């Protein structure tokens, strides 16, 4: 199972889900908001406290990826130009994650909030 857990009230995150859906031609990826029961269930036995997560989470083959690692793993499954975003992995993780954290910290201010996308929405 490949599932993206995202902040359902973040406009940037919701736009990212739509972007991923458009480029996931083989429908390999499912989605759930971090606010959903599904996310709580998926992360209940992990070391991550869902209340403190401010990152996209990607779960693939029972491995959990966060921040830029999550984005890279997602890109590997996409078609078209987004597939090439996987090459960002050659930038050291601390540098990638500083950029990620800067955007994540300011996402509501820059992009705003919205009502959550239905957590059961899968590639629609």
N, C-alpha and C. Protein backbone atom coordinates (compact mmCIF):
# COMPACT_ATOMS: atom_id res chain seq x y z
N UNK A 1 0.84 -1.18 0.00
CA UNK A 1 0.00 0.00 0.00
C UNK A 1 0.89 1.24 0.00
N UNK A 2 0.56 2.20 -0.83
CA UNK A 2 1.21 3.50 -0.89
C UNK A 2 0.17 4.53 -0.49
N UNK A 3 0.40 5.21 0.61
CA UNK A 3 -0.58 6.19 1.07
C UNK A 3 0.11 7.47 1.51
N UNK A 4 -0.45 8.58 1.08
CA UNK A 4 0.02 9.91 1.46
C UNK A 4 -0.91 10.43 2.55
N UNK A 5 -0.31 10.82 3.67
CA UNK A 5 -1.04 11.49 4.73
C UNK A 5 -0.68 12.96 4.66
N UNK A 6 -1.68 13.81 4.60
CA UNK A 6 -1.44 15.24 4.38
C UNK A 6 -2.32 16.06 5.31
N UNK A 7 -1.96 17.31 5.49
CA UNK A 7 -2.73 18.24 6.31
C UNK A 7 -3.96 18.66 5.50
N UNK A 8 -5.11 18.15 5.90
CA UNK A 8 -6.34 18.36 5.13
C UNK A 8 -6.87 19.78 5.14
N UNK A 9 -6.36 20.65 6.01
CA UNK A 9 -6.85 22.03 6.03
C UNK A 9 -5.88 23.00 5.37
N UNK A 10 -4.78 22.48 4.85
CA UNK A 10 -3.75 23.31 4.22
C UNK A 10 -4.00 23.39 2.71
N UNK A 11 -4.16 24.61 2.20
CA UNK A 11 -4.39 24.78 0.76
C UNK A 11 -3.23 24.24 -0.07
N UNK A 12 -2.00 24.46 0.37
CA UNK A 12 -0.84 23.93 -0.35
C UNK A 12 -0.87 22.41 -0.37
N UNK A 13 -1.19 21.80 0.75
CA UNK A 13 -1.25 20.34 0.83
C UNK A 13 -2.35 19.78 -0.06
N UNK A 14 -3.51 20.43 -0.05
CA UNK A 14 -4.61 19.98 -0.91
C UNK A 14 -4.24 20.11 -2.39
N UNK A 15 -3.56 21.19 -2.74
CA UNK A 15 -3.10 21.35 -4.12
C UNK A 15 -2.07 20.28 -4.47
N UNK A 16 -1.23 19.92 -3.53
CA UNK A 16 -0.23 18.87 -3.76
C UNK A 16 -0.91 17.53 -4.00
N UNK A 17 -1.97 17.25 -3.26
CA UNK A 17 -2.73 16.00 -3.46
C UNK A 17 -3.32 15.97 -4.87
N UNK A 18 -3.89 17.08 -5.30
CA UNK A 18 -4.45 17.14 -6.66
C UNK A 18 -3.35 16.94 -7.71
N UNK A 19 -2.18 17.55 -7.48
CA UNK A 19 -1.04 17.41 -8.38
C UNK A 19 -0.59 15.95 -8.46
N UNK A 20 -0.44 15.32 -7.31
CA UNK A 20 -0.04 13.92 -7.28
C UNK A 20 -1.07 13.06 -8.01
N UNK A 21 -2.34 13.30 -7.74
CA UNK A 21 -3.41 12.52 -8.39
C UNK A 21 -3.35 12.62 -9.91
N UNK A 22 -3.10 13.82 -10.41
CA UNK A 22 -3.04 14.02 -11.87
C UNK A 22 -1.88 13.24 -12.50
N UNK A 23 -0.79 13.06 -11.77
CA UNK A 23 0.40 12.41 -12.32
C UNK A 23 0.56 10.96 -11.87
N UNK A 24 -0.39 10.48 -11.10
CA UNK A 24 -0.39 9.08 -10.67
C UNK A 24 -1.28 8.30 -11.64
N UNK A 25 -0.79 8.12 -12.84
CA UNK A 25 -1.57 7.53 -13.93
C UNK A 25 -2.00 6.09 -13.65
N UNK A 26 -1.24 5.38 -12.82
CA UNK A 26 -1.55 3.98 -12.52
C UNK A 26 -2.31 3.83 -11.21
N UNK A 27 -2.72 4.94 -10.62
CA UNK A 27 -3.47 4.94 -9.35
C UNK A 27 -2.79 4.08 -8.28
N UNK A 28 -1.51 4.31 -8.10
CA UNK A 28 -0.74 3.56 -7.10
C UNK A 28 -0.82 4.17 -5.71
N UNK A 29 -1.28 5.42 -5.63
CA UNK A 29 -1.22 6.16 -4.38
C UNK A 29 -2.63 6.46 -3.86
N UNK A 30 -2.81 6.25 -2.57
CA UNK A 30 -4.05 6.60 -1.88
C UNK A 30 -3.75 7.79 -0.98
N UNK A 31 -4.81 8.43 -0.49
CA UNK A 31 -4.66 9.64 0.33
C UNK A 31 -5.55 9.58 1.56
N UNK A 32 -5.07 10.18 2.63
CA UNK A 32 -5.88 10.39 3.83
C UNK A 32 -5.34 11.63 4.52
N UNK A 33 -6.23 12.43 5.07
CA UNK A 33 -5.76 13.61 5.79
C UNK A 33 -5.20 13.18 7.14
N UNK A 34 -4.25 13.96 7.65
CA UNK A 34 -3.68 13.69 8.96
C UNK A 34 -4.73 13.78 10.06
N UNK A 35 -5.83 14.46 9.78
CA UNK A 35 -6.91 14.62 10.75
C UNK A 35 -7.86 13.42 10.76
N UNK A 36 -7.69 12.49 9.85
CA UNK A 36 -8.63 11.37 9.71
C UNK A 36 -8.34 10.22 10.66
N UNK A 37 -9.35 9.40 10.86
CA UNK A 37 -9.19 8.19 11.67
C UNK A 37 -8.22 7.22 10.99
N UNK A 38 -8.23 7.20 9.68
CA UNK A 38 -7.33 6.32 8.93
C UNK A 38 -5.87 6.66 9.25
N UNK A 39 -5.54 7.93 9.29
CA UNK A 39 -4.17 8.35 9.61
C UNK A 39 -3.80 7.94 11.03
N UNK A 40 -4.71 8.15 11.95
CA UNK A 40 -4.46 7.75 13.34
C UNK A 40 -4.21 6.25 13.43
N UNK A 41 -5.01 5.50 12.71
CA UNK A 41 -4.86 4.04 12.70
C UNK A 41 -3.52 3.62 12.11
N UNK A 42 -3.13 4.23 11.00
CA UNK A 42 -1.88 3.88 10.33
C UNK A 42 -0.65 4.21 11.16
N UNK A 43 -0.73 5.27 11.94
CA UNK A 43 0.43 5.72 12.70
C UNK A 43 0.41 5.33 14.18
N UNK A 44 -0.63 4.62 14.61
CA UNK A 44 -0.77 4.33 16.04
C UNK A 44 0.38 3.50 16.60
N UNK A 45 0.97 2.63 15.83
CA UNK A 45 2.07 1.80 16.33
C UNK A 45 3.45 2.31 15.92
N UNK A 46 3.47 3.53 15.42
CA UNK A 46 4.75 4.11 14.99
C UNK A 46 5.29 5.01 16.10
N UNK A 47 6.48 5.48 15.90
CA UNK A 47 7.11 6.38 16.87
C UNK A 47 6.64 7.82 16.69
N UNK A 48 5.76 8.06 15.72
CA UNK A 48 5.33 9.42 15.41
C UNK A 48 4.03 9.77 16.12
N UNK A 49 4.01 10.92 16.77
CA UNK A 49 2.81 11.44 17.39
C UNK A 49 2.09 12.27 16.34
N UNK A 50 0.94 11.81 15.93
CA UNK A 50 0.20 12.47 14.85
C UNK A 50 -0.12 13.93 15.18
N UNK A 51 -0.27 14.25 16.46
CA UNK A 51 -0.58 15.62 16.86
C UNK A 51 0.60 16.57 16.61
N UNK A 52 1.81 16.03 16.54
CA UNK A 52 3.00 16.86 16.36
C UNK A 52 3.55 16.81 14.94
N UNK A 53 2.87 16.12 14.05
CA UNK A 53 3.36 16.03 12.67
C UNK A 53 2.96 17.27 11.89
N UNK A 54 3.94 17.89 11.30
CA UNK A 54 3.71 19.06 10.44
C UNK A 54 4.38 18.80 9.11
N UNK A 55 4.21 17.60 8.63
CA UNK A 55 4.90 17.16 7.43
C UNK A 55 3.98 16.25 6.64
N UNK A 56 4.23 16.18 5.36
CA UNK A 56 3.60 15.14 4.57
C UNK A 56 4.21 13.82 5.03
N UNK A 57 3.39 12.79 5.07
CA UNK A 57 3.84 11.46 5.46
C UNK A 57 3.52 10.53 4.30
N UNK A 58 4.49 9.73 3.92
CA UNK A 58 4.27 8.74 2.86
C UNK A 58 4.58 7.37 3.43
N UNK A 59 3.62 6.49 3.34
CA UNK A 59 3.80 5.12 3.82
C UNK A 59 3.83 4.20 2.61
N UNK A 60 4.93 3.47 2.47
CA UNK A 60 5.09 2.52 1.36
C UNK A 60 5.76 1.27 1.90
N UNK A 61 5.17 0.14 1.63
CA UNK A 61 5.75 -1.13 2.07
C UNK A 61 6.08 -1.09 3.56
N UNK A 62 5.19 -0.55 4.35
CA UNK A 62 5.30 -0.46 5.80
C UNK A 62 6.49 0.40 6.27
N UNK A 63 7.04 1.20 5.38
CA UNK A 63 8.08 2.17 5.75
C UNK A 63 7.43 3.55 5.75
N UNK A 64 7.86 4.38 6.69
CA UNK A 64 7.30 5.72 6.82
C UNK A 64 8.36 6.74 6.42
N UNK A 65 7.98 7.61 5.48
CA UNK A 65 8.87 8.67 5.01
C UNK A 65 8.25 10.02 5.36
N UNK A 66 9.09 10.96 5.77
CA UNK A 66 8.63 12.31 6.13
C UNK A 66 9.37 13.35 5.29
N UNK A 67 8.77 14.52 5.25
CA UNK A 67 9.38 15.72 4.65
C UNK A 67 9.87 15.46 3.23
N UNK A 68 11.10 15.87 2.94
CA UNK A 68 11.61 15.75 1.56
C UNK A 68 11.77 14.29 1.14
N UNK A 69 12.05 13.40 2.08
CA UNK A 69 12.13 11.98 1.73
C UNK A 69 10.78 11.48 1.22
N UNK A 70 9.70 11.93 1.85
CA UNK A 70 8.36 11.55 1.40
C UNK A 70 8.11 12.05 -0.02
N UNK A 71 8.46 13.31 -0.27
CA UNK A 71 8.25 13.88 -1.61
C UNK A 71 9.04 13.11 -2.67
N UNK A 72 10.25 12.71 -2.35
CA UNK A 72 11.08 11.97 -3.30
C UNK A 72 10.49 10.59 -3.58
N UNK A 73 10.05 9.91 -2.53
CA UNK A 73 9.46 8.58 -2.71
C UNK A 73 8.17 8.65 -3.52
N UNK A 74 7.39 9.70 -3.31
CA UNK A 74 6.17 9.90 -4.09
C UNK A 74 6.53 10.14 -5.55
N UNK A 75 7.51 11.00 -5.79
CA UNK A 75 7.93 11.33 -7.17
C UNK A 75 8.35 10.09 -7.94
N UNK A 76 8.93 9.13 -7.27
CA UNK A 76 9.37 7.90 -7.94
C UNK A 76 8.21 7.13 -8.56
N UNK A 77 6.99 7.34 -8.04
CA UNK A 77 5.82 6.62 -8.53
C UNK A 77 5.03 7.38 -9.59
N UNK A 78 5.39 8.64 -9.82
CA UNK A 78 4.62 9.48 -10.73
C UNK A 78 5.12 9.38 -12.16
N UNK A 79 4.27 9.79 -13.06
CA UNK A 79 4.60 9.81 -14.49
C UNK A 79 4.89 11.25 -14.93
N UNK A 80 5.57 11.38 -16.06
CA UNK A 80 5.86 12.69 -16.61
C UNK A 80 6.97 13.39 -15.86
N UNK A 81 7.02 14.72 -16.01
CA UNK A 81 8.11 15.48 -15.41
C UNK A 81 8.20 15.34 -13.90
N UNK A 82 7.10 15.14 -13.14
CA UNK A 82 7.26 15.00 -11.69
C UNK A 82 8.13 13.80 -11.29
N UNK A 83 8.21 12.79 -12.14
CA UNK A 83 9.05 11.62 -11.86
C UNK A 83 10.51 12.04 -11.69
N UNK A 84 10.92 13.06 -12.40
CA UNK A 84 12.31 13.51 -12.34
C UNK A 84 12.65 14.27 -11.06
N UNK A 85 11.63 14.63 -10.29
CA UNK A 85 11.88 15.29 -9.01
C UNK A 85 12.59 14.35 -8.03
N UNK A 86 12.59 13.07 -8.35
CA UNK A 86 13.29 12.11 -7.49
C UNK A 86 14.79 12.41 -7.42
N UNK A 87 15.32 13.10 -8.40
CA UNK A 87 16.75 13.40 -8.42
C UNK A 87 17.15 14.45 -7.38
N UNK A 88 16.18 15.05 -6.73
CA UNK A 88 16.45 15.96 -5.63
C UNK A 88 17.14 15.19 -4.49
N UNK A 89 17.02 13.87 -4.50
CA UNK A 89 17.63 13.06 -3.44
C UNK A 89 19.14 13.23 -3.36
N UNK A 90 19.76 13.74 -4.42
CA UNK A 90 21.20 13.93 -4.42
C UNK A 90 21.62 15.17 -3.63
N UNK A 91 20.65 16.01 -3.29
CA UNK A 91 20.91 17.13 -2.39
C UNK A 91 20.87 16.55 -0.97
N UNK A 92 21.83 16.86 -0.14
CA UNK A 92 21.84 16.30 1.21
C UNK A 92 20.53 16.58 1.97
N UNK A 93 20.04 15.57 2.69
CA UNK A 93 18.78 15.68 3.41
C UNK A 93 18.70 16.91 4.32
N UNK A 94 19.73 17.25 5.08
CA UNK A 94 19.60 18.44 5.94
C UNK A 94 19.27 19.71 5.15
N UNK A 95 19.83 19.85 3.98
CA UNK A 95 19.54 21.02 3.14
C UNK A 95 18.11 20.94 2.61
N UNK A 96 17.72 19.77 2.10
CA UNK A 96 16.35 19.59 1.59
C UNK A 96 15.33 19.88 2.68
N UNK A 97 15.59 19.36 3.88
CA UNK A 97 14.61 19.51 4.96
C UNK A 97 14.55 20.91 5.53
N UNK A 98 15.64 21.68 5.44
CA UNK A 98 15.58 23.09 5.86
C UNK A 98 14.60 23.84 4.96
N UNK A 99 14.70 23.61 3.66
CA UNK A 99 13.78 24.25 2.71
C UNK A 99 12.36 23.77 2.97
N UNK A 100 12.19 22.46 3.16
CA UNK A 100 10.87 21.89 3.44
C UNK A 100 10.28 22.54 4.70
N UNK A 101 11.07 22.58 5.77
CA UNK A 101 10.58 23.14 7.04
C UNK A 101 10.20 24.61 6.92
N UNK A 102 10.96 25.37 6.14
CA UNK A 102 10.66 26.78 5.94
C UNK A 102 9.29 26.95 5.27
N UNK A 103 9.04 26.15 4.26
CA UNK A 103 7.73 26.21 3.58
C UNK A 103 6.63 25.71 4.51
N UNK A 104 6.87 24.59 5.19
CA UNK A 104 5.85 24.02 6.08
C UNK A 104 5.48 24.99 7.20
N UNK A 105 6.47 25.66 7.74
CA UNK A 105 6.23 26.60 8.84
C UNK A 105 5.35 27.77 8.41
N UNK A 106 5.44 28.15 7.16
CA UNK A 106 4.72 29.33 6.66
C UNK A 106 3.56 28.99 5.73
N UNK A 107 3.21 27.72 5.62
CA UNK A 107 2.22 27.31 4.62
C UNK A 107 0.85 27.94 4.81
N UNK A 108 0.38 28.07 6.04
CA UNK A 108 -0.94 28.68 6.26
C UNK A 108 -0.91 30.16 5.91
N UNK A 109 0.17 30.82 6.29
CA UNK A 109 0.27 32.26 6.02
C UNK A 109 0.38 32.52 4.52
N UNK A 110 1.15 31.69 3.83
CA UNK A 110 1.38 31.90 2.40
C UNK A 110 0.23 31.39 1.52
N UNK A 111 -0.36 30.26 1.90
CA UNK A 111 -1.34 29.61 1.04
C UNK A 111 -2.74 29.53 1.64
N UNK A 112 -2.87 29.77 2.93
CA UNK A 112 -4.16 29.78 3.59
C UNK A 112 -4.63 28.40 4.01
N UNK A 113 -5.81 28.40 4.63
CA UNK A 113 -6.45 27.18 5.11
C UNK A 113 -7.76 26.99 4.37
N UNK A 114 -8.22 25.75 4.34
CA UNK A 114 -9.51 25.45 3.73
C UNK A 114 -10.15 24.32 4.51
N UNK A 115 -11.37 23.99 4.11
CA UNK A 115 -11.98 22.82 4.74
C UNK A 115 -11.26 21.58 4.22
N UNK A 116 -11.26 20.53 4.99
CA UNK A 116 -10.52 19.31 4.65
C UNK A 116 -11.10 18.62 3.43
N UNK A 117 -10.22 18.03 2.63
CA UNK A 117 -10.65 17.15 1.55
C UNK A 117 -11.14 15.87 2.21
N UNK A 118 -12.18 15.28 1.67
CA UNK A 118 -12.69 14.02 2.20
C UNK A 118 -11.56 13.02 2.29
N UNK A 119 -11.26 12.50 3.51
CA UNK A 119 -10.12 11.59 3.68
C UNK A 119 -10.24 10.31 2.86
N UNK A 120 -11.43 9.96 2.45
CA UNK A 120 -11.57 8.74 1.66
C UNK A 120 -11.35 9.00 0.17
N UNK A 121 -11.06 10.26 -0.19
CA UNK A 121 -10.83 10.63 -1.58
C UNK A 121 -9.57 9.94 -2.08
N UNK A 122 -9.73 9.10 -3.07
CA UNK A 122 -8.58 8.40 -3.62
C UNK A 122 -8.53 8.63 -5.11
N UNK A 123 -7.59 9.47 -5.53
CA UNK A 123 -7.35 9.71 -6.95
C UNK A 123 -8.58 10.11 -7.71
N UNK A 124 -9.38 11.00 -7.14
CA UNK A 124 -10.58 11.46 -7.85
C UNK A 124 -10.33 12.81 -8.47
